[in-house]
């Protein structure tokens, strides 16, 4: 009999999961929700063309993106196709010289290298002109992707669940998730053992968490099994990176992937060369994957340094203005374009506004824009209205990118501010970033057993955030600030009638220092967590906010 904590049931109910079968599937350690890959439009034709090309010994080039989703997708395809052919190469365009997606120059280079078939992963859906150019010079294409599709999609075999006439039951796979469905179809058609699929699931988990697609439905199944593979330490390069970054092998959670592993893979494409990530994930040569891990770690440290400098510079631009606009469009000429998206995300969190950072790109007089949005504003839909201003445009509700002529910048800025202000007039709470509370707890509820119940809802991520709880009227004592800049704080909290429990707040300690010094009862929002230290396990409350 499955005994489910009533608070867990309430949280699931508030998230739209109330049927008993759905609850049991959600918390199951062995979920079963997955779908037949051949339900994806064009899957049969795509796999038939792939296998036919392999049979004819045609050279295949896997063409992907330079982020973690793209790098894992390429690695996955290299791994599955290696069971059938060694006549495979891959190509990742430069973020700086080529930009996202297919381009004609790259297609020419791939053809010159002897490839006859280009298989895209995590890109290509809207590359109509590029595919036509490639077909005219004798190339064949299979496009696998998960991004939104505009009116003119690539005219070739296109495998993307977001096609309007695709009946696949789940539309929110990552790019690597779509690549995995292709791998499933290949395994079935080619008669490969199912074990070849199991060994790919770690890559799918990294991509699904890293690309911030909803961690529900089939994505939840793929990610749960993928985390098991990661914790089995079977991919030597990934294990090397895990150890090098100070994570505990065998204890990796979705949070570790989101905040440690994915940023290291992304930083290569932002600052260095995304191929380093592919080497890390595919090489079995210890010297190769060890060197790749070391390079990724060094590069990520440099990325963080440049990112902090850029964030401070952009913050000064915002502060120097007379007021904070309803939509922040920042012309940052000196910012490294590789980290513009991260900085935009940090500014979005800091000011509670949608943010676009534009940097010089694509030659004299051109700008590359990278945007991040707040809940309540679909950035893709908003920008699509001004698509005539862009030479390239793509993305989704929370993040978008484009290339435009600098001459149109002020027109775009004014239009976005005007539209956002109009939206604000109809929705006065648009910019309020209130913490959503899932349940109210008492001090007596805080124990290791309850923290373990919460972990049944993992893996956490997009559309399955870690639950946030409220503790009311808690008195702080034994306050201890930590970190080089006293940015963290630990204290004991109690309801005034029992021993204190451990509370910890990361990064934002100075924001609440005055409240903590008053010695008055506080309301704490956060979640219980198990702190493992020196062989002991203790409960602690990880804070997200403090009010009085």
Protein backbone atom coordinates (compact mmCIF):
# COMPACT_ATOMS: atom_id res chain seq x y z
CA UNK A 1 0.00 0.00 0.00
CA UNK A 2 1.33 3.45 -0.92
CA UNK A 3 1.08 5.86 2.02
CA UNK A 4 1.49 9.39 0.73
CA UNK A 5 1.99 12.31 3.09
CA UNK A 6 -1.12 14.57 3.02
CA UNK A 7 0.99 17.70 2.40
CA UNK A 8 2.53 16.01 -0.65
CA UNK A 9 -0.96 15.20 -1.92
CA UNK A 10 -2.02 18.83 -1.49
CA UNK A 11 1.04 20.10 -3.35
CA UNK A 12 0.41 17.72 -6.25
CA UNK A 13 -3.26 18.68 -6.32
CA UNK A 14 -2.36 22.37 -6.55
CA UNK A 15 -0.14 21.47 -9.51
CA UNK A 16 -2.97 19.73 -11.33
CA UNK A 17 -2.18 16.15 -10.31
CA UNK A 18 -5.06 14.66 -8.34
CA UNK A 19 -5.96 11.29 -9.88
CA UNK A 20 -4.50 8.44 -7.83
CA UNK A 21 -2.88 6.80 -10.86
CA UNK A 22 -1.24 10.10 -11.83
CA UNK A 23 0.02 10.66 -8.28
CA UNK A 24 1.53 7.18 -8.11
CA UNK A 25 3.15 7.65 -11.52
CA UNK A 26 4.57 11.03 -10.45
CA UNK A 27 6.25 9.76 -7.29
CA UNK A 28 7.22 6.36 -8.67
CA UNK A 29 10.92 5.49 -8.70
CA UNK A 30 10.24 3.56 -11.92
CA UNK A 31 7.88 5.77 -13.96
CA UNK A 32 6.39 4.35 -17.14
CA UNK A 33 5.03 7.38 -18.97
CA UNK A 34 6.66 7.38 -22.40
CA UNK A 35 5.39 7.25 -25.97
CA UNK A 36 6.00 5.38 -29.20
CA UNK A 37 8.69 7.30 -31.18
CA UNK A 38 6.87 6.54 -34.42
CA UNK A 39 4.01 8.79 -33.29
CA UNK A 40 6.31 11.68 -34.19
CA UNK A 41 5.54 12.97 -37.67
CA UNK A 42 8.14 11.85 -40.28
CA UNK A 43 9.93 9.51 -37.86
CA UNK A 44 9.46 6.48 -40.12
CA UNK A 45 10.77 8.32 -43.18
CA UNK A 46 13.67 9.83 -41.22
CA UNK A 47 14.91 6.54 -39.81
CA UNK A 48 14.47 4.79 -43.16
CA UNK A 49 16.65 7.45 -44.84
CA UNK A 50 19.27 7.20 -42.08
CA UNK A 51 19.50 3.42 -42.26
CA UNK A 52 19.50 3.48 -46.07
CA UNK A 53 22.36 6.01 -46.05
CA UNK A 54 24.30 3.86 -43.61
CA UNK A 55 23.73 0.79 -45.78
CA UNK A 56 25.11 2.72 -48.76
CA UNK A 57 28.08 3.87 -46.66
CA UNK A 58 27.20 7.52 -47.15
CA UNK A 59 28.92 9.91 -44.81
CA UNK A 60 26.53 11.51 -42.29
CA UNK A 61 27.17 14.82 -40.58
CA UNK A 62 25.40 15.58 -37.29
CA UNK A 63 24.79 19.33 -37.08
CA UNK A 64 23.94 20.78 -33.67
CA UNK A 65 23.81 23.79 -31.39
CA UNK A 66 26.57 25.11 -29.11
CA UNK A 67 24.65 24.89 -25.82
CA UNK A 68 24.28 21.95 -23.41
CA UNK A 69 21.18 20.68 -25.23
CA UNK A 70 23.01 20.74 -28.56
CA UNK A 71 26.21 19.20 -27.18
CA UNK A 72 24.34 16.33 -25.51
CA UNK A 73 22.23 15.81 -28.65
CA UNK A 74 25.32 15.50 -30.83
CA UNK A 75 26.95 13.16 -28.31
CA UNK A 76 23.82 11.00 -28.21
CA UNK A 77 23.64 10.70 -32.00
CA UNK A 78 27.34 9.92 -32.29
CA UNK A 79 26.91 7.18 -29.71
CA UNK A 80 23.85 5.49 -31.25
CA UNK A 81 25.13 5.69 -34.82
CA UNK A 82 28.49 4.25 -33.77
CA UNK A 83 26.68 0.91 -33.38
CA UNK A 84 25.93 0.97 -37.12
CA UNK A 85 28.66 2.96 -38.89
CA UNK A 86 31.93 4.80 -38.40
CA UNK A 87 31.28 7.09 -41.37
CA UNK A 88 29.98 9.95 -39.22
CA UNK A 89 31.20 13.46 -38.41
CA UNK A 90 29.70 16.39 -36.55
CA UNK A 91 29.60 20.16 -36.91
CA UNK A 92 28.88 22.89 -34.34
CA UNK A 93 28.71 26.45 -35.67
CA UNK A 94 30.62 29.20 -33.88
CA UNK A 95 28.37 31.34 -31.70
CA UNK A 96 30.39 34.40 -32.74
CA UNK A 97 31.12 33.89 -36.42
CA UNK A 98 28.09 31.89 -37.57
CA UNK A 99 25.37 32.10 -34.94
CA UNK A 100 22.63 29.61 -34.19
CA UNK A 101 21.35 27.08 -36.72
CA UNK A 102 22.20 26.03 -40.24
CA UNK A 103 24.15 28.37 -42.49
CA UNK A 104 25.15 28.10 -46.13
CA UNK A 105 28.91 28.35 -45.58
CA UNK A 106 28.81 25.47 -43.11
CA UNK A 107 26.78 23.35 -45.54
CA UNK A 108 29.43 23.95 -48.20
CA UNK A 109 32.20 22.89 -45.79
CA UNK A 110 30.29 19.77 -44.79
CA UNK A 111 29.77 18.81 -48.44
CA UNK A 112 33.45 19.43 -49.19
CA UNK A 113 34.31 17.06 -46.33
CA UNK A 114 32.44 14.29 -48.11
CA UNK A 115 29.13 14.19 -46.24
CA UNK A 116 25.98 13.54 -48.23
CA UNK A 117 23.39 13.67 -45.45
CA UNK A 118 23.04 16.31 -42.74
CA UNK A 119 21.16 15.26 -39.62
CA UNK A 120 20.40 18.26 -37.43
CA UNK A 121 19.80 18.07 -33.71
CA UNK A 122 18.30 20.87 -31.61
CA UNK A 123 18.09 23.21 -34.61
CA UNK A 124 16.98 23.60 -38.23
CA UNK A 125 13.18 23.77 -38.10
CA UNK A 126 13.00 27.23 -39.67
CA UNK A 127 16.11 26.97 -41.87
CA UNK A 128 14.09 26.96 -45.11
CA UNK A 129 16.57 28.89 -47.25
CA UNK A 130 19.61 27.00 -45.95
CA UNK A 131 18.01 23.61 -46.59
CA UNK A 132 16.99 24.67 -50.11
CA UNK A 133 20.55 25.80 -50.77
CA UNK A 134 21.88 22.48 -49.51
CA UNK A 135 19.48 20.46 -51.61
CA UNK A 136 20.55 22.43 -54.69
CA UNK A 137 24.17 21.38 -54.18
CA UNK A 138 23.23 17.74 -53.66
CA UNK A 139 22.80 17.39 -49.90
CA UNK A 140 20.02 15.48 -48.13
CA UNK A 141 18.56 16.61 -44.80
CA UNK A 142 16.84 15.20 -41.76
CA UNK A 143 15.96 17.94 -39.27
CA UNK A 144 15.29 16.97 -35.65
CA UNK A 145 14.39 19.83 -33.36
CA UNK A 146 12.06 21.04 -30.60
CA UNK A 147 11.93 24.80 -31.13
CA UNK A 148 8.89 26.80 -32.19
CA UNK A 149 8.12 26.74 -35.91
CA UNK A 150 7.11 29.80 -37.88
CA UNK A 151 5.18 29.93 -41.14
CA UNK A 152 8.04 28.67 -43.33
CA UNK A 153 9.60 25.50 -41.97
CA UNK A 154 12.43 23.59 -43.61
CA UNK A 155 11.18 21.61 -46.62
CA UNK A 156 12.70 18.23 -45.81
CA UNK A 157 12.13 15.37 -43.39
CA UNK A 158 11.31 17.36 -40.25
CA UNK A 159 10.91 15.64 -36.88
CA UNK A 160 9.64 18.13 -34.32
CA UNK A 161 6.73 17.54 -31.90
CA UNK A 162 5.72 21.21 -32.27
CA UNK A 163 4.63 20.78 -35.89
CA UNK A 164 0.96 21.70 -35.93
CA UNK A 165 -0.03 18.44 -37.62
CA UNK A 166 2.13 16.24 -35.38
CA UNK A 167 -0.02 14.09 -33.09
CA UNK A 168 2.73 13.16 -30.64
CA UNK A 169 1.12 13.32 -27.15
CA UNK A 170 3.87 15.41 -25.50
CA UNK A 171 5.09 18.62 -27.11
CA UNK A 172 7.81 19.71 -24.67
CA UNK A 173 10.79 17.44 -25.25
CA UNK A 174 14.26 18.97 -25.26
CA UNK A 175 16.33 18.82 -28.43
CA UNK A 176 18.16 15.84 -26.93
CA UNK A 177 14.79 14.34 -26.00
CA UNK A 178 13.79 14.40 -29.67
CA UNK A 179 17.17 12.91 -30.59
CA UNK A 180 16.52 10.14 -28.06
CA UNK A 181 13.17 9.35 -29.71
CA UNK A 182 15.07 9.04 -33.01
CA UNK A 183 17.51 6.70 -31.25
CA UNK A 184 14.58 4.62 -29.99
CA UNK A 185 13.27 4.32 -33.54
CA UNK A 186 16.73 3.41 -34.86
CA UNK A 187 17.10 0.74 -32.17
CA UNK A 188 13.79 -0.84 -33.14
CA UNK A 189 14.30 -0.68 -36.90
CA UNK A 190 17.93 -1.86 -36.77
CA UNK A 191 17.32 -4.55 -34.15
CA UNK A 192 19.87 -3.19 -31.68
CA UNK A 193 19.73 -4.29 -28.02
CA UNK A 194 17.72 -2.04 -25.69
CA UNK A 195 20.84 -1.46 -23.60
CA UNK A 196 22.07 0.98 -26.26
CA UNK A 197 19.19 3.26 -25.25
CA UNK A 198 19.69 2.99 -21.50
CA UNK A 199 23.25 4.25 -21.80
CA UNK A 200 21.99 7.43 -23.51
CA UNK A 201 19.59 8.55 -20.79
CA UNK A 202 22.19 10.49 -18.79
CA UNK A 203 22.61 12.81 -21.77
CA UNK A 204 18.84 13.30 -22.03
CA UNK A 205 18.60 14.17 -18.32
CA UNK A 206 21.31 16.85 -18.62
CA UNK A 207 19.61 18.41 -21.65
CA UNK A 208 16.09 18.27 -20.21
CA UNK A 209 17.16 20.04 -17.02
CA UNK A 210 19.58 22.39 -18.76
CA UNK A 211 17.24 23.58 -21.50
CA UNK A 212 14.53 24.40 -18.94
CA UNK A 213 11.76 22.42 -20.59
CA UNK A 214 8.88 21.28 -18.33
CA UNK A 215 9.91 18.49 -15.97
CA UNK A 216 6.56 16.74 -16.29
CA UNK A 217 5.07 13.84 -18.25
CA UNK A 218 7.61 12.03 -20.46
CA UNK A 219 10.40 14.44 -19.54
CA UNK A 220 10.03 13.34 -15.93
CA UNK A 221 10.40 9.69 -16.92
CA UNK A 222 13.48 10.34 -19.05
CA UNK A 223 15.10 12.50 -16.39
CA UNK A 224 14.48 10.11 -13.50
CA UNK A 225 16.12 7.22 -15.33
CA UNK A 226 18.83 9.54 -16.63
CA UNK A 227 19.78 10.59 -13.11
CA UNK A 228 20.14 6.90 -12.22
CA UNK A 229 22.61 6.48 -15.09
CA UNK A 230 24.54 9.60 -14.05
CA UNK A 231 24.81 8.27 -10.51
CA UNK A 232 26.01 4.89 -11.76
CA UNK A 233 29.18 6.71 -12.98
CA UNK A 234 29.21 4.94 -16.36
CA UNK A 235 30.29 7.93 -18.50
CA UNK A 236 33.95 8.49 -17.59
CA UNK A 237 34.24 12.08 -18.83
CA UNK A 238 31.11 13.19 -17.00
CA UNK A 239 32.31 11.43 -13.85
CA UNK A 240 35.63 13.28 -14.17
CA UNK A 241 33.82 16.64 -14.37
CA UNK A 242 31.60 15.74 -11.40
CA UNK A 243 34.62 14.97 -9.24
CA UNK A 244 36.54 18.01 -10.46
CA UNK A 245 33.72 20.42 -9.58
CA UNK A 246 33.43 19.06 -6.04
CA UNK A 247 30.12 17.28 -6.47
CA UNK A 248 29.62 13.96 -4.74
CA UNK A 249 29.64 11.09 -7.28
CA UNK A 250 26.56 8.91 -6.94
CA UNK A 251 24.57 11.68 -5.20
CA UNK A 252 23.78 13.93 -8.17
CA UNK A 253 20.40 15.69 -8.17
CA UNK A 254 18.70 17.88 -10.74
CA UNK A 255 19.94 20.99 -8.90
CA UNK A 256 23.56 19.85 -9.34
CA UNK A 257 23.00 19.43 -13.05
CA UNK A 258 21.26 22.82 -13.40
CA UNK A 259 23.79 24.87 -11.43
CA UNK A 260 27.09 23.01 -11.95
CA UNK A 261 27.19 20.58 -14.88
CA UNK A 262 25.12 22.52 -17.43
CA UNK A 263 26.92 25.86 -16.87
CA UNK A 264 30.24 24.15 -17.53
CA UNK A 265 28.97 22.70 -20.82
CA UNK A 266 27.32 25.98 -21.81
CA UNK A 267 30.41 28.01 -20.99
CA UNK A 268 32.39 26.17 -23.67
CA UNK A 269 30.03 27.39 -26.39
CA UNK A 270 29.89 30.86 -24.84
CA UNK A 271 33.60 31.45 -24.39
CA UNK A 272 35.60 28.66 -26.00
CA UNK A 273 34.54 25.84 -28.33
CA UNK A 274 31.52 23.61 -27.73
CA UNK A 275 33.46 20.65 -29.17
CA UNK A 276 35.23 20.36 -25.82
CA UNK A 277 31.89 19.31 -24.33
CA UNK A 278 31.40 16.63 -26.98
CA UNK A 279 34.90 15.29 -26.27
CA UNK A 280 34.10 15.15 -22.55
CA UNK A 281 30.87 13.22 -23.13
CA UNK A 282 32.01 10.80 -25.84
CA UNK A 283 35.71 10.06 -25.33
CA UNK A 284 36.84 6.90 -23.57
CA UNK A 285 40.48 8.01 -23.61
CA UNK A 286 41.39 9.11 -20.07
CA UNK A 287 43.87 11.76 -21.17
CA UNK A 288 41.32 13.23 -23.60
CA UNK A 289 38.35 13.45 -21.25
CA UNK A 290 40.52 14.56 -18.30
CA UNK A 291 41.96 17.39 -20.39
CA UNK A 292 38.45 18.32 -21.56
CA UNK A 293 37.17 18.42 -17.97
CA UNK A 294 40.08 20.58 -16.85
CA UNK A 295 39.56 22.96 -19.76
CA UNK A 296 35.82 23.24 -19.05
CA UNK A 297 36.45 24.05 -15.40
CA UNK A 298 39.08 26.68 -16.19
CA UNK A 299 36.87 28.20 -18.86
CA UNK A 300 33.86 28.31 -16.55
CA UNK A 301 35.86 30.19 -13.91
CA UNK A 302 36.76 32.79 -16.53
CA UNK A 303 33.15 32.93 -17.66
CA UNK A 304 31.99 33.71 -14.12
CA UNK A 305 34.58 36.47 -13.75
CA UNK A 306 33.56 38.17 -17.02
CA UNK A 307 29.88 37.61 -16.23
CA UNK A 308 30.16 39.44 -12.89
CA UNK A 309 31.97 42.38 -14.50
CA UNK A 310 29.33 42.55 -17.22
CA UNK A 311 26.46 42.36 -14.75
CA UNK A 312 27.90 45.26 -12.74
CA UNK A 313 28.39 47.32 -15.91
CA UNK A 314 24.81 46.71 -17.09
CA UNK A 315 23.42 47.41 -13.61
CA UNK A 316 25.18 50.79 -13.66
CA UNK A 317 23.49 51.56 -17.00
CA UNK A 318 20.09 50.81 -15.48
CA UNK A 319 20.82 52.82 -12.32
CA UNK A 320 22.07 55.82 -14.30
CA UNK A 321 18.70 56.18 -16.06
CA UNK A 322 16.03 58.42 -14.55
CA UNK A 323 13.75 55.44 -13.95
CA UNK A 324 13.63 51.69 -14.44
CA UNK A 325 11.76 51.10 -17.70
CA UNK A 326 8.99 48.52 -17.83
CA UNK A 327 11.10 46.68 -20.41
CA UNK A 328 14.89 46.89 -20.16
CA UNK A 329 16.62 46.93 -23.53
CA UNK A 330 20.32 47.52 -22.87
CA UNK A 331 22.79 48.46 -25.60
CA UNK A 332 25.97 46.92 -24.14
CA UNK A 333 28.73 47.52 -26.65
CA UNK A 334 31.54 46.24 -24.44
CA UNK A 335 29.82 43.09 -23.13
CA UNK A 336 31.08 39.69 -24.25
CA UNK A 337 28.18 38.40 -26.35
CA UNK A 338 28.72 34.85 -25.12
CA UNK A 339 27.49 35.70 -21.63
CA UNK A 340 24.81 38.26 -22.59
CA UNK A 341 22.00 35.75 -21.97
CA UNK A 342 23.16 34.93 -18.45
CA UNK A 343 23.54 38.61 -17.59
CA UNK A 344 20.07 39.31 -19.00
CA UNK A 345 18.71 36.58 -16.73
CA UNK A 346 20.40 38.05 -13.66
CA UNK A 347 19.12 41.53 -14.47
CA UNK A 348 15.62 40.11 -14.97
CA UNK A 349 15.80 38.62 -11.46
CA UNK A 350 17.27 41.81 -9.98
CA UNK A 351 14.73 44.27 -11.42
CA UNK A 352 11.69 42.08 -12.05
CA UNK A 353 11.49 43.25 -15.65
CA UNK A 354 11.92 41.52 -19.03
CA UNK A 355 15.45 42.24 -20.27
CA UNK A 356 17.16 42.23 -23.65
CA UNK A 357 20.88 42.88 -24.03
CA UNK A 358 22.15 43.77 -27.49
CA UNK A 359 25.80 43.54 -28.51
CA UNK A 360 27.58 44.32 -31.80
CA UNK A 361 27.55 41.31 -34.09
CA UNK A 362 27.46 40.20 -37.72
CA UNK A 363 29.52 43.09 -39.10
CA UNK A 364 29.28 46.86 -38.94
CA UNK A 365 25.83 48.19 -38.08
CA UNK A 366 24.34 44.92 -36.80
CA UNK A 367 23.27 43.92 -33.30
CA UNK A 368 22.65 40.54 -31.71
CA UNK A 369 19.92 40.54 -29.07
CA UNK A 370 19.48 38.07 -26.22
CA UNK A 371 16.43 38.32 -23.99
CA UNK A 372 15.01 36.80 -20.81
CA UNK A 373 11.48 37.32 -19.54
CA UNK A 374 9.48 37.30 -16.34
CA UNK A 375 6.39 35.16 -15.65
CA UNK A 376 3.39 36.78 -17.28
CA UNK A 377 5.17 38.06 -20.38
CA UNK A 378 5.63 35.69 -23.31
CA UNK A 379 8.77 37.13 -24.87
CA UNK A 380 8.49 35.06 -28.05
CA UNK A 381 4.95 36.24 -28.77
CA UNK A 382 5.84 39.84 -27.97
CA UNK A 383 8.92 39.95 -30.20
CA UNK A 384 7.26 38.08 -33.02
CA UNK A 385 5.06 41.12 -33.60
CA UNK A 386 8.20 43.02 -34.64
CA UNK A 387 9.71 40.19 -36.68
CA UNK A 388 10.04 42.48 -39.69
CA UNK A 389 12.83 44.29 -37.79
CA UNK A 390 14.90 41.12 -37.47
CA UNK A 391 17.21 39.32 -39.87
CA UNK A 392 17.08 36.24 -37.61
CA UNK A 393 14.72 35.47 -34.75
CA UNK A 394 13.84 32.53 -32.55
CA UNK A 395 13.22 31.28 -29.03
CA UNK A 396 10.36 30.61 -26.64
CA UNK A 397 8.28 32.35 -23.98
CA UNK A 398 11.10 32.83 -21.48
CA UNK A 399 14.11 33.41 -23.72
CA UNK A 400 14.66 34.74 -27.25
CA UNK A 401 17.44 35.80 -29.56
CA UNK A 402 17.64 37.85 -32.74
CA UNK A 403 19.90 39.65 -35.20
CA UNK A 404 18.92 43.12 -36.39
CA UNK A 405 20.22 46.32 -37.96
CA UNK A 406 21.28 48.85 -35.34
CA UNK A 407 19.10 51.48 -37.05
CA UNK A 408 15.96 49.76 -35.71
CA UNK A 409 17.04 49.62 -32.05
CA UNK A 410 15.15 52.67 -30.78
CA UNK A 411 12.00 51.66 -32.63
CA UNK A 412 12.15 48.25 -31.00
CA UNK A 413 12.88 49.69 -27.55
CA UNK A 414 10.00 52.16 -27.68
CA UNK A 415 7.58 49.53 -28.98
CA UNK A 416 8.47 47.02 -26.25
CA UNK A 417 8.23 49.61 -23.48
CA UNK A 418 4.88 50.86 -24.76
CA UNK A 419 3.44 47.37 -25.05
CA UNK A 420 4.69 46.33 -21.61
CA UNK A 421 3.30 49.46 -19.98
CA UNK A 422 -0.06 48.78 -21.58
CA UNK A 423 0.06 45.25 -20.19
CA UNK A 424 0.97 46.64 -16.76
CA UNK A 425 -2.04 48.97 -16.79
CA UNK A 426 -4.35 45.99 -17.23
CA UNK A 427 -2.38 43.84 -14.75
CA UNK A 428 -0.97 45.93 -11.87
CA UNK A 429 0.67 42.86 -10.29
CA UNK A 430 2.76 42.16 -13.41
CA UNK A 431 6.09 43.12 -11.83
CA UNK A 432 5.45 41.71 -8.37
CA UNK A 433 7.79 38.79 -7.72
CA UNK A 434 5.97 37.24 -4.79
CA UNK A 435 7.18 33.88 -3.57
CA UNK A 436 4.52 31.23 -4.14
CA UNK A 437 3.93 29.32 -0.89
CA UNK A 438 2.92 25.68 -1.29
CA UNK A 439 2.04 25.03 2.36
CA UNK A 440 2.39 26.39 5.90
CA UNK A 441 4.51 24.35 8.33
CA UNK A 442 5.10 24.31 12.07
CA UNK A 443 8.47 23.76 13.69
CA UNK A 444 7.36 20.28 14.74
CA UNK A 445 6.94 19.34 11.05
CA UNK A 446 10.65 19.81 10.38
CA UNK A 447 12.26 16.42 10.46
CA UNK A 448 14.30 14.20 8.18
CA UNK A 449 11.29 12.00 7.37
CA UNK A 450 9.36 14.97 5.95
CA UNK A 451 12.39 16.16 3.97
CA UNK A 452 12.59 12.69 2.43
CA UNK A 453 8.89 12.87 1.53
CA UNK A 454 9.54 16.10 -0.38
CA UNK A 455 12.31 14.38 -2.35
CA UNK A 456 9.67 12.04 -3.79
CA UNK A 457 8.57 15.03 -5.90
CA UNK A 458 12.06 15.32 -7.44
CA UNK A 459 13.55 15.85 -9.96
CA UNK A 460 12.82 19.55 -9.62
CA UNK A 461 12.90 22.09 -12.41
CA UNK A 462 10.67 23.91 -14.87
CA UNK A 463 6.95 23.47 -13.99
CA UNK A 464 7.94 21.25 -11.07
CA UNK A 465 9.72 23.67 -8.77
CA UNK A 466 10.87 22.57 -5.35
CA UNK A 467 7.97 23.27 -2.93
CA UNK A 468 8.29 26.41 -0.83
CA UNK A 469 6.94 26.38 2.72
CA UNK A 470 6.13 29.13 5.20
CA UNK A 471 7.15 29.07 8.87
CA UNK A 472 5.42 31.82 10.85
CA UNK A 473 6.56 33.67 14.00
CA UNK A 474 10.08 32.29 14.18
CA UNK A 475 12.63 33.93 16.49
CA UNK A 476 16.24 34.02 15.22
CA UNK A 477 19.26 33.51 17.48
CA UNK A 478 22.95 32.52 17.18
CA UNK A 479 23.28 34.52 13.96
CA UNK A 480 26.48 33.74 12.04
CA UNK A 481 27.42 35.44 8.75
CA UNK A 482 29.62 33.49 6.34
CA UNK A 483 31.47 33.98 3.04
CA UNK A 484 34.09 36.47 1.86
CA UNK A 485 31.50 39.26 1.73
CA UNK A 486 29.27 37.94 4.52
CA UNK A 487 26.79 37.02 1.80
CA UNK A 488 25.51 33.89 3.57
CA UNK A 489 23.98 33.57 7.02
CA UNK A 490 23.16 30.70 9.35
CA UNK A 491 21.05 31.04 12.47
CA UNK A 492 18.92 29.06 14.88
CA UNK A 493 15.16 29.55 14.59
CA UNK A 494 12.44 28.63 17.03
CA UNK A 495 8.79 29.30 17.77
CA UNK A 496 9.90 30.41 21.23
CA UNK A 497 8.99 27.26 23.12
CA UNK A 498 11.58 24.73 21.99
CA UNK A 499 15.17 24.33 20.89
CA UNK A 500 16.07 26.10 17.67
CA UNK A 501 16.40 24.44 14.30
CA UNK A 502 19.11 25.33 11.81
CA UNK A 503 18.28 27.96 9.16
CA UNK A 504 20.56 28.97 6.30
CA UNK A 505 20.28 31.70 3.65
CA UNK A 506 22.66 31.79 0.69
CA UNK A 507 23.87 34.87 -1.23
CA UNK A 508 21.32 37.43 0.08
CA UNK A 509 22.23 37.66 3.77
CA UNK A 510 22.87 41.42 3.65
CA UNK A 511 19.37 42.04 2.26
CA UNK A 512 17.93 40.81 5.56
CA UNK A 513 20.63 41.77 8.08
CA UNK A 514 18.54 44.58 9.66
CA UNK A 515 15.53 42.29 10.13
CA UNK A 516 17.67 39.62 11.77
CA UNK A 517 19.24 42.10 14.18
CA UNK A 518 15.87 43.27 15.55
CA UNK A 519 15.28 40.01 17.40
CA UNK A 520 11.59 40.02 16.50
CA UNK A 521 9.46 37.12 15.27
CA UNK A 522 9.93 36.55 11.52
CA UNK A 523 8.13 34.67 8.78
CA UNK A 524 10.49 32.39 6.89
CA UNK A 525 9.90 30.98 3.41
CA UNK A 526 12.01 28.11 2.12
CA UNK A 527 12.22 24.35 2.30
CA UNK A 528 13.55 21.65 4.66
CA UNK A 529 16.75 19.97 3.57
CA UNK A 530 19.00 17.25 4.98
CA UNK A 531 22.52 18.46 5.72
CA UNK A 532 25.06 15.63 5.57
CA UNK A 533 28.29 16.47 7.39
CA UNK A 534 31.01 14.26 8.90
CA UNK A 535 28.80 11.20 8.74
CA UNK A 536 25.90 12.94 10.49
CA UNK A 537 22.55 13.98 9.00
CA UNK A 538 20.62 16.95 10.36
CA UNK A 539 17.58 18.87 9.20
CA UNK A 540 18.01 22.48 8.12
CA UNK A 541 15.63 25.03 6.63
CA UNK A 542 17.00 26.60 3.43
CA UNK A 543 15.61 30.12 3.15
CA UNK A 544 14.30 31.90 0.08
CA UNK A 545 12.95 34.96 1.88
CA UNK A 546 12.27 36.62 5.25
CA UNK A 547 9.46 38.97 6.27
CA UNK A 548 8.22 40.31 9.58
